[in-house]
Amino acid sequence: MNKKPETNTDDEMRPEYDFSGGVRGEYYEAYQQSTNIVVLEPDVAEVFRDSAAVNEALRLLTKIAKSTAA
């Protein structure tokens, strides 16, 4: 006798969610390497177009902070 699995009534998935184009494990390797993902506000993103620009600015800010703390 086959028993139908019980459905979870607390499921937050809505019918309009579409994962048909999703790729399982797409970010798995990056996550395992402890990659930090930071979302920039739109006004900041206008100034810093890529991660290299953000990293350069943060390194400069860190250098300035260290030099004034000494």
N, C-alpha and C. Protein backbone atom coordinates (compact mmCIF):
# COMPACT_ATOMS: atom_id res chain seq x y z
N MET A 1 0.83 -1.17 0.00
CA MET A 1 0.00 0.00 0.00
C MET A 1 0.88 1.24 0.00
N ASN A 2 0.71 2.11 -1.00
CA ASN A 2 1.47 3.34 -1.08
C ASN A 2 0.75 4.44 -0.31
N LYS A 3 1.51 5.08 0.57
CA LYS A 3 0.93 6.16 1.36
C LYS A 3 1.42 7.49 0.79
N LYS A 4 0.52 8.42 0.57
CA LYS A 4 0.86 9.73 0.04
C LYS A 4 1.59 10.54 1.12
N PRO A 5 2.71 11.16 0.77
CA PRO A 5 3.44 11.94 1.77
C PRO A 5 2.58 13.10 2.26
N GLU A 6 2.75 13.42 3.54
CA GLU A 6 2.00 14.53 4.10
C GLU A 6 2.56 15.85 3.56
N THR A 7 1.69 16.81 3.33
CA THR A 7 2.13 18.13 2.88
C THR A 7 2.29 19.04 4.08
N ASN A 8 3.27 19.89 4.01
CA ASN A 8 3.55 20.84 5.08
C ASN A 8 2.71 22.09 4.86
N THR A 9 1.77 22.34 5.74
CA THR A 9 0.92 23.51 5.58
C THR A 9 1.62 24.80 5.98
N ASP A 10 2.78 24.71 6.63
CA ASP A 10 3.54 25.88 7.03
C ASP A 10 4.55 26.30 5.95
N ASP A 11 4.52 25.65 4.81
CA ASP A 11 5.46 25.93 3.73
C ASP A 11 5.28 27.36 3.24
N GLU A 12 6.38 28.11 3.15
CA GLU A 12 6.32 29.50 2.72
C GLU A 12 6.50 29.66 1.22
N MET A 13 6.65 28.57 0.50
CA MET A 13 6.83 28.66 -0.94
C MET A 13 5.50 29.03 -1.59
N ARG A 14 5.55 30.00 -2.46
CA ARG A 14 4.35 30.44 -3.16
C ARG A 14 4.34 29.86 -4.56
N PRO A 15 3.17 29.68 -5.13
CA PRO A 15 3.08 29.10 -6.48
C PRO A 15 3.81 29.93 -7.54
N GLU A 16 3.95 31.24 -7.32
CA GLU A 16 4.59 32.09 -8.33
C GLU A 16 6.12 32.01 -8.31
N TYR A 17 6.71 31.35 -7.31
CA TYR A 17 8.15 31.17 -7.29
C TYR A 17 8.55 30.22 -8.40
N ASP A 18 9.55 30.61 -9.17
CA ASP A 18 9.97 29.78 -10.31
C ASP A 18 11.47 29.52 -10.22
N PHE A 19 11.83 28.32 -9.89
CA PHE A 19 13.24 27.94 -9.80
C PHE A 19 13.68 27.09 -10.98
N SER A 20 12.91 27.11 -12.05
CA SER A 20 13.22 26.25 -13.20
C SER A 20 14.57 26.58 -13.83
N GLY A 21 15.03 27.81 -13.69
CA GLY A 21 16.33 28.19 -14.25
C GLY A 21 17.45 28.14 -13.23
N GLY A 22 17.13 27.67 -12.04
CA GLY A 22 18.12 27.62 -10.97
C GLY A 22 19.17 26.55 -11.20
N VAL A 23 20.34 26.77 -10.61
CA VAL A 23 21.44 25.81 -10.71
C VAL A 23 21.81 25.39 -9.29
N ARG A 24 21.62 24.14 -9.00
CA ARG A 24 21.93 23.64 -7.66
C ARG A 24 23.44 23.72 -7.40
N GLY A 25 23.80 24.32 -6.28
CA GLY A 25 25.20 24.39 -5.87
C GLY A 25 26.02 25.42 -6.63
N GLU A 26 25.39 26.37 -7.29
CA GLU A 26 26.12 27.33 -8.12
C GLU A 26 27.15 28.12 -7.30
N TYR A 27 26.84 28.45 -6.07
CA TYR A 27 27.74 29.26 -5.24
C TYR A 27 28.39 28.45 -4.14
N TYR A 28 28.31 27.14 -4.22
CA TYR A 28 28.81 26.28 -3.17
C TYR A 28 30.31 26.47 -2.93
N GLU A 29 31.10 26.46 -3.99
CA GLU A 29 32.55 26.59 -3.84
C GLU A 29 32.94 27.93 -3.21
N ALA A 30 32.33 29.01 -3.67
CA ALA A 30 32.62 30.33 -3.11
C ALA A 30 32.24 30.38 -1.63
N TYR A 31 31.12 29.77 -1.29
CA TYR A 31 30.68 29.75 0.10
C TYR A 31 31.68 28.96 0.96
N GLN A 32 32.17 27.87 0.45
CA GLN A 32 33.13 27.05 1.19
C GLN A 32 34.45 27.78 1.40
N GLN A 33 34.76 28.74 0.55
CA GLN A 33 36.00 29.51 0.68
C GLN A 33 35.81 30.74 1.56
N SER A 34 34.65 30.82 2.22
CA SER A 34 34.32 31.92 3.12
C SER A 34 34.30 33.27 2.41
N THR A 35 33.82 33.28 1.19
CA THR A 35 33.68 34.52 0.46
C THR A 35 32.60 35.36 1.11
N ASN A 36 32.90 36.63 1.33
CA ASN A 36 31.93 37.55 1.89
C ASN A 36 31.24 38.28 0.75
N ILE A 37 29.95 38.30 0.80
CA ILE A 37 29.18 39.04 -0.19
C ILE A 37 28.60 40.25 0.49
N VAL A 38 28.85 41.42 -0.07
CA VAL A 38 28.36 42.67 0.47
C VAL A 38 27.52 43.34 -0.59
N VAL A 39 26.34 43.78 -0.20
CA VAL A 39 25.46 44.48 -1.13
C VAL A 39 25.59 45.97 -0.88
N LEU A 40 25.95 46.70 -1.91
CA LEU A 40 26.13 48.15 -1.79
C LEU A 40 24.82 48.87 -2.04
N GLU A 41 24.63 49.96 -1.35
CA GLU A 41 23.48 50.81 -1.62
C GLU A 41 23.69 51.44 -3.00
N PRO A 42 22.61 51.77 -3.70
CA PRO A 42 22.72 52.29 -5.07
C PRO A 42 23.63 53.51 -5.21
N ASP A 43 23.59 54.44 -4.25
CA ASP A 43 24.43 55.64 -4.36
C ASP A 43 25.91 55.30 -4.23
N VAL A 44 26.23 54.31 -3.41
CA VAL A 44 27.63 53.88 -3.26
C VAL A 44 28.06 53.11 -4.49
N ALA A 45 27.18 52.29 -5.03
CA ALA A 45 27.50 51.49 -6.22
C ALA A 45 27.79 52.38 -7.43
N GLU A 46 27.23 53.57 -7.47
CA GLU A 46 27.52 54.50 -8.57
C GLU A 46 28.98 54.93 -8.55
N VAL A 47 29.55 55.03 -7.36
CA VAL A 47 30.94 55.48 -7.22
C VAL A 47 31.91 54.31 -7.39
N PHE A 48 31.58 53.17 -6.80
CA PHE A 48 32.45 52.00 -6.83
C PHE A 48 31.85 50.98 -7.79
N ARG A 49 32.36 50.94 -8.99
CA ARG A 49 31.78 50.11 -10.05
C ARG A 49 32.09 48.62 -9.95
N ASP A 50 33.16 48.27 -9.21
CA ASP A 50 33.51 46.85 -9.11
C ASP A 50 34.19 46.58 -7.77
N SER A 51 34.44 45.31 -7.49
CA SER A 51 35.03 44.94 -6.21
C SER A 51 36.44 45.47 -6.05
N ALA A 52 37.18 45.61 -7.12
CA ALA A 52 38.54 46.14 -7.03
C ALA A 52 38.52 47.58 -6.51
N ALA A 53 37.58 48.38 -6.97
CA ALA A 53 37.48 49.77 -6.52
C ALA A 53 37.09 49.84 -5.04
N VAL A 54 36.18 48.97 -4.63
CA VAL A 54 35.78 48.93 -3.22
C VAL A 54 36.95 48.50 -2.36
N ASN A 55 37.67 47.46 -2.76
CA ASN A 55 38.82 46.99 -2.00
C ASN A 55 39.89 48.05 -1.89
N GLU A 56 40.16 48.75 -2.96
CA GLU A 56 41.17 49.81 -2.95
C GLU A 56 40.78 50.91 -1.96
N ALA A 57 39.53 51.32 -1.99
CA ALA A 57 39.07 52.37 -1.09
C ALA A 57 39.13 51.92 0.37
N LEU A 58 38.74 50.69 0.64
CA LEU A 58 38.77 50.19 2.01
C LEU A 58 40.20 50.03 2.52
N ARG A 59 41.11 49.60 1.66
CA ARG A 59 42.51 49.50 2.08
C ARG A 59 43.09 50.87 2.41
N LEU A 60 42.74 51.87 1.60
CA LEU A 60 43.20 53.23 1.85
C LEU A 60 42.62 53.75 3.17
N LEU A 61 41.34 53.51 3.39
CA LEU A 61 40.69 53.94 4.62
C LEU A 61 41.33 53.25 5.83
N THR A 62 41.64 51.98 5.71
CA THR A 62 42.30 51.24 6.78
C THR A 62 43.68 51.81 7.08
N LYS A 63 44.42 52.14 6.02
CA LYS A 63 45.76 52.72 6.17
C LYS A 63 45.68 54.06 6.88
N ILE A 64 44.71 54.87 6.50
CA ILE A 64 44.54 56.20 7.13
C ILE A 64 44.17 56.03 8.61
N ALA A 65 43.25 55.10 8.89
CA ALA A 65 42.82 54.88 10.26
C ALA A 65 43.99 54.41 11.13
N LYS A 66 44.80 53.53 10.59
CA LYS A 66 45.95 53.04 11.36
C LYS A 66 46.97 54.14 11.60
N SER A 67 47.19 55.01 10.61
CA SER A 67 48.20 56.06 10.76
C SER A 67 47.74 57.14 11.74
N THR A 68 46.45 57.39 11.85
CA THR A 68 45.97 58.42 12.78
C THR A 68 45.82 57.85 14.19
N ALA A 69 45.72 56.54 14.32
CA ALA A 69 45.57 55.91 15.63
C ALA A 69 46.91 55.82 16.36
N ALA A 70 47.99 55.89 15.64
CA ALA A 70 49.32 55.71 16.25
C ALA A 70 49.83 56.95 16.93
